[in-house]
Structures are given as C-alpha cells and as structure tokens.
Amino acid sequence: MNMVLVQPVVAIIAGILILVIPRLLNYIVAIYLIIIGIMGLV
C-alpha cells in the first residue's frame, strides 16, 4: 500500500475512534504530527 491509500484509511479509523472515545483525540493528533514530522525529515 502506498501513502496515497494509507492516509485516508488512517483518517477514517482515527475519526471513528475519536467519535467512540473523544479522549483519544489528543493522542491521535500527537502521534499523527510526530509521524508526519519524522517522514518530513527522512
């Protein structure tokens, strides 16, 4: 799977998890930003 397909799937899963457990929002955003930052440096 390439990144074009992975990001929308991750976004859908994250959205569902946030609706079920709103407390996860902070963790999901933090993990997402860290991953995007690491990929930007590499």
PDB file of N, CA and C in Angstrom:
ATOM      1  N   MET A   1       0.845  -1.191   0.000  1.00  0.00           N
ATOM      2  CA  MET A   1       0.000   0.000   0.000  1.00  0.00           C
ATOM      3  C   MET A   1       0.880   1.241   0.000  1.00  0.00           C
ATOM      4  N   ASN A   2       0.557   2.163  -0.850  1.00  0.00           N
ATOM      5  CA  ASN A   2       1.330   3.392  -0.873  1.00  0.00           C
ATOM      6  C   ASN A   2       0.676   4.445   0.020  1.00  0.00           C
ATOM      7  N   MET A   3       1.368   5.552   0.234  1.00  0.00           N
ATOM      8  CA  MET A   3       0.894   6.581   1.163  1.00  0.00           C
ATOM      9  C   MET A   3      -0.410   7.234   0.713  1.00  0.00           C
ATOM     10  N   VAL A   4      -0.662   7.231  -0.602  1.00  0.00           N
ATOM     11  CA  VAL A   4      -1.894   7.860  -1.102  1.00  0.00           C
ATOM     12  C   VAL A   4      -3.108   7.113  -0.582  1.00  0.00           C
ATOM     13  N   LEU A   5      -2.999   5.796  -0.439  1.00  0.00           N
ATOM     14  CA  LEU A   5      -4.118   4.987   0.032  1.00  0.00           C
ATOM     15  C   LEU A   5      -4.143   4.880   1.556  1.00  0.00           C
ATOM     16  N   VAL A   6      -2.980   4.937   2.180  1.00  0.00           N
ATOM     17  CA  VAL A   6      -2.898   4.724   3.631  1.00  0.00           C
ATOM     18  C   VAL A   6      -3.505   5.892   4.403  1.00  0.00           C
ATOM     19  N   GLN A   7      -3.227   7.118   4.005  1.00  0.00           N
ATOM     20  CA  GLN A   7      -3.671   8.282   4.781  1.00  0.00           C
ATOM     21  C   GLN A   7      -5.189   8.378   4.922  1.00  0.00           C
ATOM     22  N   PRO A   8      -5.983   8.191   3.841  1.00  0.00           N
ATOM     23  CA  PRO A   8      -7.445   8.249   4.025  1.00  0.00           C
ATOM     24  C   PRO A   8      -7.967   7.141   4.936  1.00  0.00           C
ATOM     25  N   VAL A   9      -7.382   5.949   4.844  1.00  0.00           N
ATOM     26  CA  VAL A   9      -7.817   4.845   5.711  1.00  0.00           C
ATOM     27  C   VAL A   9      -7.507   5.169   7.168  1.00  0.00           C
ATOM     28  N   VAL A  10      -6.310   5.689   7.414  1.00  0.00           N
ATOM     29  CA  VAL A  10      -5.934   6.074   8.782  1.00  0.00           C
ATOM     30  C   VAL A  10      -6.859   7.174   9.288  1.00  0.00           C
ATOM     31  N   ALA A  11      -7.203   8.125   8.422  1.00  0.00           N
ATOM     32  CA  ALA A  11      -8.084   9.219   8.822  1.00  0.00           C
ATOM     33  C   ALA A  11      -9.468   8.710   9.202  1.00  0.00           C
ATOM     34  N   ILE A  12      -9.999   7.758   8.435  1.00  0.00           N
ATOM     35  CA  ILE A  12     -11.322   7.192   8.740  1.00  0.00           C
ATOM     36  C   ILE A  12     -11.290   6.456  10.078  1.00  0.00           C
ATOM     37  N   ILE A  13     -10.260   5.626  10.284  1.00  0.00           N
ATOM     38  CA  ILE A  13     -10.149   4.869  11.542  1.00  0.00           C
ATOM     39  C   ILE A  13     -10.007   5.832  12.719  1.00  0.00           C
ATOM     40  N   ALA A  14      -9.179   6.865  12.561  1.00  0.00           N
ATOM     41  CA  ALA A  14      -8.984   7.839  13.642  1.00  0.00           C
ATOM     42  C   ALA A  14     -10.290   8.567  13.938  1.00  0.00           C
ATOM     43  N   GLY A  15     -11.036   8.924  12.889  1.00  0.00           N
ATOM     44  CA  GLY A  15     -12.310   9.611  13.088  1.00  0.00           C
ATOM     45  C   GLY A  15     -13.300   8.764  13.864  1.00  0.00           C
ATOM     46  N   ILE A  16     -13.371   7.482  13.532  1.00  0.00           N
ATOM     47  CA  ILE A  16     -14.284   6.573  14.247  1.00  0.00           C
ATOM     48  C   ILE A  16     -13.862   6.451  15.710  1.00  0.00           C
ATOM     49  N   LEU A  17     -12.555   6.287  15.939  1.00  0.00           N
ATOM     50  CA  LEU A  17     -12.067   6.160  17.318  1.00  0.00           C
ATOM     51  C   LEU A  17     -12.354   7.422  18.123  1.00  0.00           C
ATOM     52  N   ILE A  18     -12.203   8.591  17.494  1.00  0.00           N
ATOM     53  CA  ILE A  18     -12.474   9.848  18.200  1.00  0.00           C
ATOM     54  C   ILE A  18     -13.954   9.955  18.555  1.00  0.00           C
ATOM     55  N   LEU A  19     -14.832   9.498  17.652  1.00  0.00           N
ATOM     56  CA  LEU A  19     -16.265   9.527  17.965  1.00  0.00           C
ATOM     57  C   LEU A  19     -16.595   8.589  19.119  1.00  0.00           C
ATOM     58  N   VAL A  20     -15.935   7.427  19.155  1.00  0.00           N
ATOM     59  CA  VAL A  20     -16.221   6.448  20.211  1.00  0.00           C
ATOM     60  C   VAL A  20     -15.575   6.874  21.529  1.00  0.00           C
ATOM     61  N   ILE A  21     -14.314   7.318  21.463  1.00  0.00           N
ATOM     62  CA  ILE A  21     -13.571   7.690  22.668  1.00  0.00           C
ATOM     63  C   ILE A  21     -12.938   9.064  22.438  1.00  0.00           C
ATOM     64  N   PRO A  22     -13.667  10.156  22.712  1.00  0.00           N
ATOM     65  CA  PRO A  22     -13.160  11.504  22.440  1.00  0.00           C
ATOM     66  C   PRO A  22     -11.825  11.811  23.118  1.00  0.00           C
ATOM     67  N   ARG A  23     -11.538  11.123  24.219  1.00  0.00           N
ATOM     68  CA  ARG A  23     -10.292  11.343  24.950  1.00  0.00           C
ATOM     69  C   ARG A  23      -9.071  10.990  24.091  1.00  0.00           C
ATOM     70  N   LEU A  24      -9.267  10.100  23.092  1.00  0.00           N
ATOM     71  CA  LEU A  24      -8.159   9.679  22.246  1.00  0.00           C
ATOM     72  C   LEU A  24      -7.678  10.782  21.305  1.00  0.00           C
ATOM     73  N   LEU A  25      -8.482  11.831  21.142  1.00  0.00           N
ATOM     74  CA  LEU A  25      -8.150  12.877  20.162  1.00  0.00           C
ATOM     75  C   LEU A  25      -6.746  13.426  20.378  1.00  0.00           C
ATOM     76  N   ASN A  26      -6.398  13.740  21.615  1.00  0.00           N
ATOM     77  CA  ASN A  26      -5.076  14.309  21.893  1.00  0.00           C
ATOM     78  C   ASN A  26      -3.959  13.361  21.477  1.00  0.00           C
ATOM     79  N   TYR A  27      -4.112  12.083  21.802  1.00  0.00           N
ATOM     80  CA  TYR A  27      -3.079  11.107  21.470  1.00  0.00           C
ATOM     81  C   TYR A  27      -2.971  10.906  19.965  1.00  0.00           C
ATOM     82  N   ILE A  28      -4.117  10.822  19.290  1.00  0.00           N
ATOM     83  CA  ILE A  28      -4.113  10.586  17.845  1.00  0.00           C
ATOM     84  C   ILE A  28      -3.466  11.761  17.123  1.00  0.00           C
ATOM     85  N   VAL A  29      -3.810  12.978  17.514  1.00  0.00           N
ATOM     86  CA  VAL A  29      -3.219  14.164  16.877  1.00  0.00           C
ATOM     87  C   VAL A  29      -1.717  14.207  17.146  1.00  0.00           C
ATOM     88  N   ALA A  30      -1.309  13.927  18.368  1.00  0.00           N
ATOM     89  CA  ALA A  30       0.112  13.969  18.707  1.00  0.00           C
ATOM     90  C   ALA A  30       0.893  12.925  17.913  1.00  0.00           C
ATOM     91  N   ILE A  31       0.383  11.701  17.842  1.00  0.00           N
ATOM     92  CA  ILE A  31       1.062  10.639  17.097  1.00  0.00           C
ATOM     93  C   ILE A  31       1.122  10.992  15.616  1.00  0.00           C
ATOM     94  N   TYR A  32       0.029  11.531  15.077  1.00  0.00           N
ATOM     95  CA  TYR A  32      -0.010  11.907  13.664  1.00  0.00           C
ATOM     96  C   TYR A  32       1.044  12.971  13.360  1.00  0.00           C
ATOM     97  N   LEU A  33       1.116  13.994  14.207  1.00  0.00           N
ATOM     98  CA  LEU A  33       2.084  15.067  13.982  1.00  0.00           C
ATOM     99  C   LEU A  33       3.519  14.557  14.079  1.00  0.00           C
ATOM    100  N   ILE A  34       3.783  13.666  15.010  1.00  0.00           N
ATOM    101  CA  ILE A  34       5.125  13.105  15.149  1.00  0.00           C
ATOM    102  C   ILE A  34       5.501  12.297  13.907  1.00  0.00           C
ATOM    103  N   ILE A  35       4.572  11.476  13.430  1.00  0.00           N
ATOM    104  CA  ILE A  35       4.842  10.656  12.239  1.00  0.00           C
ATOM    105  C   ILE A  35       5.065  11.546  11.019  1.00  0.00           C
ATOM    106  N   ILE A  36       4.235  12.558  10.828  1.00  0.00           N
ATOM    107  CA  ILE A  36       4.405  13.467   9.694  1.00  0.00           C
ATOM    108  C   ILE A  36       5.756  14.198   9.796  1.00  0.00           C
ATOM    109  N   GLY A  37       6.132  14.604  10.996  1.00  0.00           N
ATOM    110  CA  GLY A  37       7.412  15.275  11.189  1.00  0.00           C
ATOM    111  C   GLY A  37       8.587  14.381  10.872  1.00  0.00           C
ATOM    112  N   ILE A  38       8.539  13.124  11.327  1.00  0.00           N
ATOM    113  CA  ILE A  38       9.619  12.183  11.043  1.00  0.00           C
ATOM    114  C   ILE A  38       9.715  11.918   9.543  1.00  0.00           C
ATOM    115  N   MET A  39       8.552  11.723   8.878  1.00  0.00           N
ATOM    116  CA  MET A  39       8.564  11.484   7.442  1.00  0.00           C
ATOM    117  C   MET A  39       9.089  12.706   6.693  1.00  0.00           C
ATOM    118  N   GLY A  40       8.848  13.902   7.193  1.00  0.00           N
ATOM    119  CA  GLY A  40       9.359  15.105   6.562  1.00  0.00           C
ATOM    120  C   GLY A  40      10.873  15.208   6.663  1.00  0.00           C
ATOM    121  N   LEU A  41      11.418  14.725   7.770  1.00  0.00           N
ATOM    122  CA  LEU A  41      12.869  14.780   7.942  1.00  0.00           C
ATOM    123  C   LEU A  41      13.588  13.699   7.137  1.00  0.00           C
ATOM    124  N   VAL A  42      12.913  12.604   6.886  1.00  0.00           N
ATOM    125  CA  VAL A  42      13.540  11.471   6.167  1.00  0.00           C
ATOM    126  C   VAL A  42      13.363  11.594   4.704  1.00  0.00           C
TER     127      VAL A  42
END
